[in-house]
Amino acid sequence: TNKTSHTSVEALKATITKEWDNMSEDFIKTSCASVRTRIEAIIRNNGGHIE
């Protein structure tokens, strides 16, 4: 969701950096590891919606 309205690119960059810094290393690793599984599910579903 977009919690904050950004008035400049610099403000957006600052928010992205802050949120990135707040993510745990485990969350990032888990998210990255799940990409392959999700892509394979999309391919099996011929590009359609997956849960």
PDB file of N, CA and C in Angstrom:
ATOM      1  N   THR A   1       0.842  -1.186   0.000  1.00  0.00           N
ATOM      2  CA  THR A   1       0.000   0.000   0.000  1.00  0.00           C
ATOM      3  C   THR A   1       0.879   1.239   0.000  1.00  0.00           C
ATOM      4  N   ASN A   2       0.314   2.324  -0.410  1.00  0.00           N
ATOM      5  CA  ASN A   2       1.041   3.581  -0.434  1.00  0.00           C
ATOM      6  C   ASN A   2       0.599   4.399   0.770  1.00  0.00           C
ATOM      7  N   LYS A   3       1.331   4.266   1.855  1.00  0.00           N
ATOM      8  CA  LYS A   3       0.965   4.942   3.101  1.00  0.00           C
ATOM      9  C   LYS A   3       1.259   6.432   3.058  1.00  0.00           C
ATOM     10  N   THR A   4       2.235   6.813   2.236  1.00  0.00           N
ATOM     11  CA  THR A   4       2.711   8.188   2.240  1.00  0.00           C
ATOM     12  C   THR A   4       2.680   8.763   0.833  1.00  0.00           C
ATOM     13  N   SER A   5       2.230   9.993   0.715  1.00  0.00           N
ATOM     14  CA  SER A   5       2.308  10.698  -0.551  1.00  0.00           C
ATOM     15  C   SER A   5       3.693  11.331  -0.638  1.00  0.00           C
ATOM     16  N   HIS A   6       4.397  11.055  -1.717  1.00  0.00           N
ATOM     17  CA  HIS A   6       5.756  11.570  -1.871  1.00  0.00           C
ATOM     18  C   HIS A   6       5.741  12.771  -2.805  1.00  0.00           C
ATOM     19  N   THR A   7       6.336  13.843  -2.345  1.00  0.00           N
ATOM     20  CA  THR A   7       6.326  15.078  -3.129  1.00  0.00           C
ATOM     21  C   THR A   7       7.527  15.203  -4.045  1.00  0.00           C
ATOM     22  N   SER A   8       8.487  14.271  -3.919  1.00  0.00           N
ATOM     23  CA  SER A   8       9.666  14.311  -4.783  1.00  0.00           C
ATOM     24  C   SER A   8      10.269  12.914  -4.890  1.00  0.00           C
ATOM     25  N   VAL A   9      11.130  12.752  -5.857  1.00  0.00           N
ATOM     26  CA  VAL A   9      11.831  11.483  -6.025  1.00  0.00           C
ATOM     27  C   VAL A   9      12.712  11.223  -4.810  1.00  0.00           C
ATOM     28  N   GLU A  10      13.326  12.249  -4.280  1.00  0.00           N
ATOM     29  CA  GLU A  10      14.191  12.087  -3.104  1.00  0.00           C
ATOM     30  C   GLU A  10      13.395  11.589  -1.897  1.00  0.00           C
ATOM     31  N   ALA A  11      12.186  12.105  -1.715  1.00  0.00           N
ATOM     32  CA  ALA A  11      11.338  11.646  -0.609  1.00  0.00           C
ATOM     33  C   ALA A  11      10.972  10.175  -0.796  1.00  0.00           C
ATOM     34  N   LEU A  12      10.673   9.783  -2.021  1.00  0.00           N
ATOM     35  CA  LEU A  12      10.360   8.388  -2.317  1.00  0.00           C
ATOM     36  C   LEU A  12      11.568   7.497  -2.036  1.00  0.00           C
ATOM     37  N   LYS A  13      12.745   7.927  -2.486  1.00  0.00           N
ATOM     38  CA  LYS A  13      13.976   7.161  -2.241  1.00  0.00           C
ATOM     39  C   LYS A  13      14.230   6.994  -0.749  1.00  0.00           C
ATOM     40  N   ALA A  14      14.010   8.047   0.016  1.00  0.00           N
ATOM     41  CA  ALA A  14      14.225   7.982   1.464  1.00  0.00           C
ATOM     42  C   ALA A  14      13.283   6.965   2.109  1.00  0.00           C
ATOM     43  N   THR A  15      12.034   6.944   1.674  1.00  0.00           N
ATOM     44  CA  THR A  15      11.067   5.988   2.221  1.00  0.00           C
ATOM     45  C   THR A  15      11.443   4.560   1.849  1.00  0.00           C
ATOM     46  N   ILE A  16      11.838   4.350   0.604  1.00  0.00           N
ATOM     47  CA  ILE A  16      12.248   3.011   0.170  1.00  0.00           C
ATOM     48  C   ILE A  16      13.442   2.530   0.984  1.00  0.00           C
ATOM     49  N   THR A  17      14.432   3.392   1.171  1.00  0.00           N
ATOM     50  CA  THR A  17      15.618   3.034   1.947  1.00  0.00           C
ATOM     51  C   THR A  17      15.252   2.700   3.384  1.00  0.00           C
ATOM     52  N   LYS A  18      14.380   3.498   3.977  1.00  0.00           N
ATOM     53  CA  LYS A  18      13.958   3.256   5.363  1.00  0.00           C
ATOM     54  C   LYS A  18      13.249   1.911   5.487  1.00  0.00           C
ATOM     55  N   GLU A  19      12.319   1.633   4.576  1.00  0.00           N
ATOM     56  CA  GLU A  19      11.580   0.372   4.624  1.00  0.00           C
ATOM     57  C   GLU A  19      12.498  -0.815   4.370  1.00  0.00           C
ATOM     58  N   TRP A  20      13.436  -0.681   3.442  1.00  0.00           N
ATOM     59  CA  TRP A  20      14.398  -1.754   3.170  1.00  0.00           C
ATOM     60  C   TRP A  20      15.215  -2.051   4.421  1.00  0.00           C
ATOM     61  N   ASP A  21      15.681  -1.006   5.077  1.00  0.00           N
ATOM     62  CA  ASP A  21      16.488  -1.177   6.289  1.00  0.00           C
ATOM     63  C   ASP A  21      15.704  -1.841   7.418  1.00  0.00           C
ATOM     64  N   ASN A  22      14.382  -1.683   7.419  1.00  0.00           N
ATOM     65  CA  ASN A  22      13.538  -2.272   8.462  1.00  0.00           C
ATOM     66  C   ASN A  22      13.201  -3.745   8.215  1.00  0.00           C
ATOM     67  N   MET A  23      13.475  -4.250   7.001  1.00  0.00           N
ATOM     68  CA  MET A  23      13.181  -5.652   6.695  1.00  0.00           C
ATOM     69  C   MET A  23      14.259  -6.554   7.287  1.00  0.00           C
ATOM     70  N   SER A  24      13.815  -7.655   7.873  1.00  0.00           N
ATOM     71  CA  SER A  24      14.783  -8.599   8.434  1.00  0.00           C
ATOM     72  C   SER A  24      15.466  -9.369   7.307  1.00  0.00           C
ATOM     73  N   GLU A  25      16.666  -9.826   7.586  1.00  0.00           N
ATOM     74  CA  GLU A  25      17.409 -10.614   6.605  1.00  0.00           C
ATOM     75  C   GLU A  25      16.657 -11.903   6.278  1.00  0.00           C
ATOM     76  N   ASP A  26      16.034 -12.508   7.276  1.00  0.00           N
ATOM     77  CA  ASP A  26      15.258 -13.733   7.046  1.00  0.00           C
ATOM     78  C   ASP A  26      14.085 -13.489   6.097  1.00  0.00           C
ATOM     79  N   PHE A  27      13.394 -12.358   6.270  1.00  0.00           N
ATOM     80  CA  PHE A  27      12.274 -12.022   5.388  1.00  0.00           C
ATOM     81  C   PHE A  27      12.759 -11.883   3.949  1.00  0.00           C
ATOM     82  N   ILE A  28      13.873 -11.203   3.752  1.00  0.00           N
ATOM     83  CA  ILE A  28      14.415 -10.996   2.408  1.00  0.00           C
ATOM     84  C   ILE A  28      14.820 -12.333   1.790  1.00  0.00           C
ATOM     85  N   LYS A  29      15.507 -13.176   2.557  1.00  0.00           N
ATOM     86  CA  LYS A  29      15.930 -14.488   2.047  1.00  0.00           C
ATOM     87  C   LYS A  29      14.729 -15.346   1.673  1.00  0.00           C
ATOM     88  N   THR A  30      13.718 -15.369   2.530  1.00  0.00           N
ATOM     89  CA  THR A  30      12.516 -16.167   2.273  1.00  0.00           C
ATOM     90  C   THR A  30      11.786 -15.664   1.030  1.00  0.00           C
ATOM     91  N   SER A  31      11.679 -14.356   0.897  1.00  0.00           N
ATOM     92  CA  SER A  31      10.999 -13.770  -0.262  1.00  0.00           C
ATOM     93  C   SER A  31      11.732 -14.103  -1.554  1.00  0.00           C
ATOM     94  N   CYS A  32      13.044 -13.976  -1.537  1.00  0.00           N
ATOM     95  CA  CYS A  32      13.839 -14.288  -2.728  1.00  0.00           C
ATOM     96  C   CYS A  32      13.754 -15.767  -3.077  1.00  0.00           C
ATOM     97  N   ALA A  33      13.785 -16.621  -2.075  1.00  0.00           N
ATOM     98  CA  ALA A  33      13.731 -18.063  -2.306  1.00  0.00           C
ATOM     99  C   ALA A  33      12.395 -18.497  -2.894  1.00  0.00           C
ATOM    100  N   SER A  34      11.326 -17.769  -2.614  1.00  0.00           N
ATOM    101  CA  SER A  34      10.001 -18.165  -3.090  1.00  0.00           C
ATOM    102  C   SER A  34       9.728 -17.736  -4.529  1.00  0.00           C
ATOM    103  N   VAL A  35      10.592 -16.915  -5.098  1.00  0.00           N
ATOM    104  CA  VAL A  35      10.346 -16.405  -6.450  1.00  0.00           C
ATOM    105  C   VAL A  35      10.258 -17.546  -7.459  1.00  0.00           C
ATOM    106  N   ARG A  36      11.210 -18.473  -7.427  1.00  0.00           N
ATOM    107  CA  ARG A  36      11.209 -19.578  -8.396  1.00  0.00           C
ATOM    108  C   ARG A  36       9.916 -20.384  -8.311  1.00  0.00           C
ATOM    109  N   THR A  37       9.484 -20.705  -7.105  1.00  0.00           N
ATOM    110  CA  THR A  37       8.259 -21.482  -6.915  1.00  0.00           C
ATOM    111  C   THR A  37       7.056 -20.749  -7.498  1.00  0.00           C
ATOM    112  N   ARG A  38       6.977 -19.447  -7.258  1.00  0.00           N
ATOM    113  CA  ARG A  38       5.842 -18.671  -7.770  1.00  0.00           C
ATOM    114  C   ARG A  38       5.868 -18.582  -9.294  1.00  0.00           C
ATOM    115  N   ILE A  39       7.060 -18.401  -9.871  1.00  0.00           N
ATOM    116  CA  ILE A  39       7.167 -18.335 -11.333  1.00  0.00           C
ATOM    117  C   ILE A  39       6.760 -19.667 -11.956  1.00  0.00           C
ATOM    118  N   GLU A  40       7.209 -20.772 -11.365  1.00  0.00           N
ATOM    119  CA  GLU A  40       6.828 -22.089 -11.880  1.00  0.00           C
ATOM    120  C   GLU A  40       5.314 -22.294 -11.807  1.00  0.00           C
ATOM    121  N   ALA A  41       4.681 -21.817 -10.748  1.00  0.00           N
ATOM    122  CA  ALA A  41       3.222 -21.929 -10.622  1.00  0.00           C
ATOM    123  C   ALA A  41       2.520 -21.110 -11.700  1.00  0.00           C
ATOM    124  N   ILE A  42       3.033 -19.944 -11.996  1.00  0.00           N
ATOM    125  CA  ILE A  42       2.452 -19.100 -13.052  1.00  0.00           C
ATOM    126  C   ILE A  42       2.572 -19.798 -14.402  1.00  0.00           C
ATOM    127  N   ILE A  43       3.738 -20.398 -14.663  1.00  0.00           N
ATOM    128  CA  ILE A  43       3.937 -21.115 -15.925  1.00  0.00           C
ATOM    129  C   ILE A  43       2.964 -22.285 -16.027  1.00  0.00           C
ATOM    130  N   ARG A  44       2.822 -23.064 -14.944  1.00  0.00           N
ATOM    131  CA  ARG A  44       1.877 -24.192 -14.946  1.00  0.00           C
ATOM    132  C   ARG A  44       0.445 -23.724 -15.197  1.00  0.00           C
ATOM    133  N   ASN A  45       0.148 -22.497 -14.790  1.00  0.00           N
ATOM    134  CA  ASN A  45      -1.200 -21.945 -14.940  1.00  0.00           C
ATOM    135  C   ASN A  45      -1.318 -21.104 -16.214  1.00  0.00           C
ATOM    136  N   ASN A  46      -0.389 -21.304 -17.131  1.00  0.00           N
ATOM    137  CA  ASN A  46      -0.392 -20.586 -18.420  1.00  0.00           C
ATOM    138  C   ASN A  46      -0.477 -19.076 -18.249  1.00  0.00           C
ATOM    139  N   GLY A  47       0.202 -18.568 -17.245  1.00  0.00           N
ATOM    140  CA  GLY A  47       0.243 -17.124 -17.029  1.00  0.00           C
ATOM    141  C   GLY A  47      -0.933 -16.576 -16.246  1.00  0.00           C
ATOM    142  N   GLY A  48      -1.834 -17.449 -15.833  1.00  0.00           N
ATOM    143  CA  GLY A  48      -3.017 -17.005 -15.099  1.00  0.00           C
ATOM    144  C   GLY A  48      -2.736 -16.733 -13.630  1.00  0.00           C
ATOM    145  N   HIS A  49      -3.765 -16.339 -12.934  1.00  0.00           N
ATOM    146  CA  HIS A  49      -3.694 -15.988 -11.513  1.00  0.00           C
ATOM    147  C   HIS A  49      -3.302 -17.196 -10.674  1.00  0.00           C
ATOM    148  N   ILE A  50      -2.460 -16.972  -9.668  1.00  0.00           N
ATOM    149  CA  ILE A  50      -2.105 -18.022  -8.713  1.00  0.00           C
ATOM    150  C   ILE A  50      -2.394 -17.524  -7.307  1.00  0.00           C
ATOM    151  N   GLU A  51      -2.549 -18.451  -6.402  1.00  0.00           N
ATOM    152  CA  GLU A  51      -2.774 -18.093  -4.993  1.00  0.00           C
ATOM    153  C   GLU A  51      -1.493 -18.199  -4.231  1.00  0.00           C
TER     154      GLU A  51
END
